[in-house]
């Protein structure tokens, strides 16, 4: 039996005709085509125009990535859960976001992630010799320190033979504590 479905926009309520493609909202609870939420091309165009991103700020706490987004029309989304997808260079969020805006968000995310990781250690090795302990390291940002002698004071502070940035000192100290704990069992 052939059936018909009247295309009525679930956003504006106006009937519309399909013009090459039909827009609809994903709803995995829908089992029947009559329950599908169709959208007219005017509402889809308005939605895409609305998503003109003015700014976006990413935050990661306890491995949960969120983003604050401000749109050109003044709409603000705060603490929006999101997931960057490298394969498609998009960021999907807890709300419907047009693909062009997802790609723009990914570009902002990628720059933020590069800056955030720039100060993180990529490689770190410890060397022990007679009366000398040293490290060699490199950050994701490309900073390198080779064969730097160090010691940990009684107060738990790291002293190095030449100055290194505090953000690297903290990571080295934490890694060295783990290194000592591992090697003390041997």
C-alpha atoms as a PDB file:
ATOM      1  CA  UNK A   1       0.000   0.000   0.000  1.00  0.00           C
ATOM      2  CA  UNK A   2       1.302   3.452  -0.865  1.00  0.00           C
ATOM      3  CA  UNK A   3       0.895   6.079   1.830  1.00  0.00           C
ATOM      4  CA  UNK A   4       1.466   9.793   1.932  1.00  0.00           C
ATOM      5  CA  UNK A   5       3.016  12.034   4.544  1.00  0.00           C
ATOM      6  CA  UNK A   6       2.133  15.700   4.693  1.00  0.00           C
ATOM      7  CA  UNK A   7       5.314  17.666   5.171  1.00  0.00           C
ATOM      8  CA  UNK A   8       4.663  20.165   7.939  1.00  0.00           C
ATOM      9  CA  UNK A   9       7.591  21.976   9.493  1.00  0.00           C
ATOM     10  CA  UNK A  10       7.958  21.037  13.153  1.00  0.00           C
ATOM     11  CA  UNK A  11       9.596  24.423  13.798  1.00  0.00           C
ATOM     12  CA  UNK A  12       7.256  26.985  12.162  1.00  0.00           C
ATOM     13  CA  UNK A  13       4.194  24.757  11.552  1.00  0.00           C
ATOM     14  CA  UNK A  14       3.880  25.626   7.853  1.00  0.00           C
ATOM     15  CA  UNK A  15       3.301  22.958   5.198  1.00  0.00           C
ATOM     16  CA  UNK A  16       6.094  22.690   2.628  1.00  0.00           C
ATOM     17  CA  UNK A  17       7.081  20.691  -0.442  1.00  0.00           C
ATOM     18  CA  UNK A  18      10.245  18.630  -0.728  1.00  0.00           C
ATOM     19  CA  UNK A  19      12.767  20.209  -3.061  1.00  0.00           C
ATOM     20  CA  UNK A  20      15.423  17.562  -3.704  1.00  0.00           C
ATOM     21  CA  UNK A  21      16.027  16.836  -0.017  1.00  0.00           C
ATOM     22  CA  UNK A  22      14.038  16.732   3.198  1.00  0.00           C
ATOM     23  CA  UNK A  23      15.413  17.993   6.505  1.00  0.00           C
ATOM     24  CA  UNK A  24      14.423  16.305   9.752  1.00  0.00           C
ATOM     25  CA  UNK A  25      15.581  16.126  13.361  1.00  0.00           C
ATOM     26  CA  UNK A  26      17.082  12.874  14.597  1.00  0.00           C
ATOM     27  CA  UNK A  27      14.876  11.221  17.176  1.00  0.00           C
ATOM     28  CA  UNK A  28      15.827   7.664  18.011  1.00  0.00           C
ATOM     29  CA  UNK A  29      12.601   7.150  19.938  1.00  0.00           C
ATOM     30  CA  UNK A  30      10.536   7.625  16.779  1.00  0.00           C
ATOM     31  CA  UNK A  31       9.368   4.365  15.246  1.00  0.00           C
ATOM     32  CA  UNK A  32       6.893   5.804  12.783  1.00  0.00           C
ATOM     33  CA  UNK A  33       7.588   8.163   9.874  1.00  0.00           C
ATOM     34  CA  UNK A  34       4.518  10.252  10.793  1.00  0.00           C
ATOM     35  CA  UNK A  35       6.263  11.098  14.100  1.00  0.00           C
ATOM     36  CA  UNK A  36       9.394  12.396  12.340  1.00  0.00           C
ATOM     37  CA  UNK A  37      10.064  16.093  12.954  1.00  0.00           C
ATOM     38  CA  UNK A  38      10.520  17.553   9.481  1.00  0.00           C
ATOM     39  CA  UNK A  39      11.928  21.030   8.887  1.00  0.00           C
ATOM     40  CA  UNK A  40      11.307  23.380   5.997  1.00  0.00           C
ATOM     41  CA  UNK A  41      14.300  24.853   4.182  1.00  0.00           C
ATOM     42  CA  UNK A  42      13.491  28.362   5.524  1.00  0.00           C
ATOM     43  CA  UNK A  43      13.819  27.164   9.140  1.00  0.00           C
ATOM     44  CA  UNK A  44      17.023  25.255   8.316  1.00  0.00           C
ATOM     45  CA  UNK A  45      18.485  28.382   6.686  1.00  0.00           C
ATOM     46  CA  UNK A  46      17.540  30.478   9.750  1.00  0.00           C
ATOM     47  CA  UNK A  47      19.197  27.875  12.012  1.00  0.00           C
ATOM     48  CA  UNK A  48      22.375  27.926   9.937  1.00  0.00           C
ATOM     49  CA  UNK A  49      22.456  31.746   9.915  1.00  0.00           C
ATOM     50  CA  UNK A  50      21.935  31.804  13.686  1.00  0.00           C
ATOM     51  CA  UNK A  51      25.137  29.773  14.199  1.00  0.00           C
ATOM     52  CA  UNK A  52      27.584  32.581  13.403  1.00  0.00           C
ATOM     53  CA  UNK A  53      30.160  31.990  16.153  1.00  0.00           C
ATOM     54  CA  UNK A  54      31.674  35.123  17.687  1.00  0.00           C
ATOM     55  CA  UNK A  55      33.762  33.316  20.311  1.00  0.00           C
ATOM     56  CA  UNK A  56      34.275  29.909  21.852  1.00  0.00           C
ATOM     57  CA  UNK A  57      36.252  28.934  24.959  1.00  0.00           C
ATOM     58  CA  UNK A  58      37.039  25.298  25.707  1.00  0.00           C
ATOM     59  CA  UNK A  59      37.535  23.890  29.218  1.00  0.00           C
ATOM     60  CA  UNK A  60      38.555  20.432  30.422  1.00  0.00           C
ATOM     61  CA  UNK A  61      37.931  19.292  33.980  1.00  0.00           C
ATOM     62  CA  UNK A  62      38.372  15.661  35.024  1.00  0.00           C
ATOM     63  CA  UNK A  63      38.555  14.545  31.379  1.00  0.00           C
ATOM     64  CA  UNK A  64      35.206  16.204  30.565  1.00  0.00           C
ATOM     65  CA  UNK A  65      35.451  18.710  27.717  1.00  0.00           C
ATOM     66  CA  UNK A  66      33.005  21.612  27.624  1.00  0.00           C
ATOM     67  CA  UNK A  67      32.749  24.771  25.568  1.00  0.00           C
ATOM     68  CA  UNK A  68      31.258  28.231  26.101  1.00  0.00           C
ATOM     69  CA  UNK A  69      29.962  29.614  22.804  1.00  0.00           C
ATOM     70  CA  UNK A  70      28.748  33.108  21.964  1.00  0.00           C
ATOM     71  CA  UNK A  71      26.819  33.592  18.721  1.00  0.00           C
ATOM     72  CA  UNK A  72      26.471  36.792  16.681  1.00  0.00           C
ATOM     73  CA  UNK A  73      22.797  37.120  17.671  1.00  0.00           C
ATOM     74  CA  UNK A  74      23.777  37.248  21.366  1.00  0.00           C
ATOM     75  CA  UNK A  75      22.908  33.653  22.215  1.00  0.00           C
ATOM     76  CA  UNK A  76      25.331  32.169  24.740  1.00  0.00           C
ATOM     77  CA  UNK A  77      25.843  28.497  25.524  1.00  0.00           C
ATOM     78  CA  UNK A  78      27.814  27.849  28.720  1.00  0.00           C
ATOM     79  CA  UNK A  79      29.333  24.526  29.758  1.00  0.00           C
ATOM     80  CA  UNK A  80      28.109  22.724  26.663  1.00  0.00           C
ATOM     81  CA  UNK A  81      29.407  19.132  26.604  1.00  0.00           C
ATOM     82  CA  UNK A  82      31.316  18.538  23.399  1.00  0.00           C
ATOM     83  CA  UNK A  83      33.473  16.012  21.600  1.00  0.00           C
ATOM     84  CA  UNK A  84      36.082  16.833  18.961  1.00  0.00           C
ATOM     85  CA  UNK A  85      36.181  14.365  16.085  1.00  0.00           C
ATOM     86  CA  UNK A  86      39.554  14.462  14.349  1.00  0.00           C
ATOM     87  CA  UNK A  87      38.542  12.360  11.331  1.00  0.00           C
ATOM     88  CA  UNK A  88      35.931  14.895  10.201  1.00  0.00           C
ATOM     89  CA  UNK A  89      37.555  17.919  11.890  1.00  0.00           C
ATOM     90  CA  UNK A  90      34.315  18.772  13.652  1.00  0.00           C
ATOM     91  CA  UNK A  91      33.166  19.325  17.214  1.00  0.00           C
ATOM     92  CA  UNK A  92      29.782  17.870  18.140  1.00  0.00           C
ATOM     93  CA  UNK A  93      27.948  19.238  21.128  1.00  0.00           C
ATOM     94  CA  UNK A  94      24.922  18.728  23.303  1.00  0.00           C
ATOM     95  CA  UNK A  95      22.802  20.826  20.911  1.00  0.00           C
ATOM     96  CA  UNK A  96      22.256  20.690  17.160  1.00  0.00           C
ATOM     97  CA  UNK A  97      25.055  22.605  15.466  1.00  0.00           C
ATOM     98  CA  UNK A  98      25.340  23.035  11.673  1.00  0.00           C
ATOM     99  CA  UNK A  99      28.328  21.325  10.082  1.00  0.00           C
ATOM    100  CA  UNK A 100      29.994  24.623   9.081  1.00  0.00           C
ATOM    101  CA  UNK A 101      29.850  25.794  12.716  1.00  0.00           C
ATOM    102  CA  UNK A 102      31.132  22.378  13.889  1.00  0.00           C
ATOM    103  CA  UNK A 103      34.156  22.827  11.617  1.00  0.00           C
ATOM    104  CA  UNK A 104      34.712  26.390  12.896  1.00  0.00           C
ATOM    105  CA  UNK A 105      34.546  25.074  16.469  1.00  0.00           C
ATOM    106  CA  UNK A 106      37.117  22.404  15.595  1.00  0.00           C
ATOM    107  CA  UNK A 107      39.545  25.055  14.326  1.00  0.00           C
ATOM    108  CA  UNK A 108      39.138  26.947  17.626  1.00  0.00           C
ATOM    109  CA  UNK A 109      39.476  23.696  19.611  1.00  0.00           C
ATOM    110  CA  UNK A 110      42.597  22.658  17.693  1.00  0.00           C
ATOM    111  CA  UNK A 111      44.329  25.990  18.408  1.00  0.00           C
ATOM    112  CA  UNK A 112      43.311  25.763  22.098  1.00  0.00           C
ATOM    113  CA  UNK A 113      44.540  22.160  22.346  1.00  0.00           C
ATOM    114  CA  UNK A 114      47.889  23.027  20.727  1.00  0.00           C
ATOM    115  CA  UNK A 115      48.393  25.940  23.126  1.00  0.00           C
ATOM    116  CA  UNK A 116      47.374  23.835  26.127  1.00  0.00           C
ATOM    117  CA  UNK A 117      49.699  20.989  25.199  1.00  0.00           C
ATOM    118  CA  UNK A 118      52.596  23.284  24.280  1.00  0.00           C
ATOM    119  CA  UNK A 119      53.709  23.365  27.912  1.00  0.00           C
ATOM    120  CA  UNK A 120      53.155  19.658  28.552  1.00  0.00           C
ATOM    121  CA  UNK A 121      56.045  17.211  28.487  1.00  0.00           C
ATOM    122  CA  UNK A 122      56.121  14.955  25.480  1.00  0.00           C
ATOM    123  CA  UNK A 123      59.302  13.070  26.432  1.00  0.00           C
ATOM    124  CA  UNK A 124      61.202  12.785  29.695  1.00  0.00           C
ATOM    125  CA  UNK A 125      64.093  10.516  30.624  1.00  0.00           C
ATOM    126  CA  UNK A 126      66.121  10.317  33.816  1.00  0.00           C
ATOM    127  CA  UNK A 127      69.797   9.337  33.980  1.00  0.00           C
ATOM    128  CA  UNK A 128      71.665   8.361  37.096  1.00  0.00           C
ATOM    129  CA  UNK A 129      75.427   8.361  37.441  1.00  0.00           C
ATOM    130  CA  UNK A 130      77.952   8.652  40.220  1.00  0.00           C
ATOM    131  CA  UNK A 131      76.789  11.570  42.413  1.00  0.00           C
ATOM    132  CA  UNK A 132      74.686  12.959  39.535  1.00  0.00           C
ATOM    133  CA  UNK A 133      71.046  12.607  38.522  1.00  0.00           C
ATOM    134  CA  UNK A 134      69.886  14.359  35.374  1.00  0.00           C
ATOM    135  CA  UNK A 135      66.956  14.570  33.006  1.00  0.00           C
ATOM    136  CA  UNK A 136      66.379  15.268  29.346  1.00  0.00           C
ATOM    137  CA  UNK A 137      62.960  16.406  28.206  1.00  0.00           C
ATOM    138  CA  UNK A 138      60.942  17.974  25.423  1.00  0.00           C
ATOM    139  CA  UNK A 139      57.524  19.661  25.498  1.00  0.00           C
ATOM    140  CA  UNK A 140      54.847  19.368  22.819  1.00  0.00           C
ATOM    141  CA  UNK A 141      55.666  23.003  22.072  1.00  0.00           C
ATOM    142  CA  UNK A 142      59.246  22.048  21.133  1.00  0.00           C
ATOM    143  CA  UNK A 143      61.165  23.241  24.219  1.00  0.00           C
ATOM    144  CA  UNK A 144      64.122  20.921  24.857  1.00  0.00           C
ATOM    145  CA  UNK A 145      66.392  20.503  27.847  1.00  0.00           C
ATOM    146  CA  UNK A 146      69.253  18.021  27.562  1.00  0.00           C
ATOM    147  CA  UNK A 147      71.190  16.391  30.411  1.00  0.00           C
ATOM    148  CA  UNK A 148      70.164  18.843  33.162  1.00  0.00           C
ATOM    149  CA  UNK A 149      71.491  17.857  36.586  1.00  0.00           C
ATOM    150  CA  UNK A 150      69.008  18.190  39.440  1.00  0.00           C
ATOM    151  CA  UNK A 151      68.231  17.241  42.998  1.00  0.00           C
ATOM    152  CA  UNK A 152      65.132  17.196  45.150  1.00  0.00           C
ATOM    153  CA  UNK A 153      65.544  19.140  48.400  1.00  0.00           C
ATOM    154  CA  UNK A 154      64.395  17.933  51.816  1.00  0.00           C
ATOM    155  CA  UNK A 155      61.393  20.260  51.409  1.00  0.00           C
ATOM    156  CA  UNK A 156      60.460  18.478  48.176  1.00  0.00           C
ATOM    157  CA  UNK A 157      61.538  21.252  45.815  1.00  0.00           C
ATOM    158  CA  UNK A 158      63.359  20.659  42.546  1.00  0.00           C
ATOM    159  CA  UNK A 159      66.740  22.377  42.150  1.00  0.00           C
ATOM    160  CA  UNK A 160      68.335  22.327  38.704  1.00  0.00           C
ATOM    161  CA  UNK A 161      71.797  23.296  37.495  1.00  0.00           C
ATOM    162  CA  UNK A 162      70.266  25.776  35.064  1.00  0.00           C
ATOM    163  CA  UNK A 163      66.874  27.525  35.149  1.00  0.00           C
ATOM    164  CA  UNK A 164      63.834  25.809  33.665  1.00  0.00           C
ATOM    165  CA  UNK A 165      60.246  27.111  33.553  1.00  0.00           C
ATOM    166  CA  UNK A 166      58.069  26.367  36.619  1.00  0.00           C
ATOM    167  CA  UNK A 167      55.485  24.450  34.563  1.00  0.00           C
ATOM    168  CA  UNK A 168      58.233  22.018  33.494  1.00  0.00           C
ATOM    169  CA  UNK A 169      59.647  21.787  37.035  1.00  0.00           C
ATOM    170  CA  UNK A 170      56.255  20.649  38.370  1.00  0.00           C
ATOM    171  CA  UNK A 171      55.909  17.905  35.753  1.00  0.00           C
ATOM    172  CA  UNK A 172      59.486  16.695  36.266  1.00  0.00           C
ATOM    173  CA  UNK A 173      59.056  16.593  40.040  1.00  0.00           C
ATOM    174  CA  UNK A 174      55.855  14.579  39.737  1.00  0.00           C
ATOM    175  CA  UNK A 175      57.448  12.180  37.231  1.00  0.00           C
ATOM    176  CA  UNK A 176      60.574  11.809  39.359  1.00  0.00           C
ATOM    177  CA  UNK A 177      58.513  10.847  42.407  1.00  0.00           C
ATOM    178  CA  UNK A 178      56.888   8.098  40.347  1.00  0.00           C
ATOM    179  CA  UNK A 179      60.281   7.070  38.973  1.00  0.00           C
ATOM    180  CA  UNK A 180      61.722   6.800  42.501  1.00  0.00           C
ATOM    181  CA  UNK A 181      58.709   4.820  43.732  1.00  0.00           C
ATOM    182  CA  UNK A 182      59.077   2.362  40.844  1.00  0.00           C
ATOM    183  CA  UNK A 183      62.811   1.943  41.295  1.00  0.00           C
ATOM    184  CA  UNK A 184      62.739   1.664  45.080  1.00  0.00           C
ATOM    185  CA  UNK A 185      61.033  -1.757  44.779  1.00  0.00           C
ATOM    186  CA  UNK A 186      63.950  -3.238  42.843  1.00  0.00           C
END
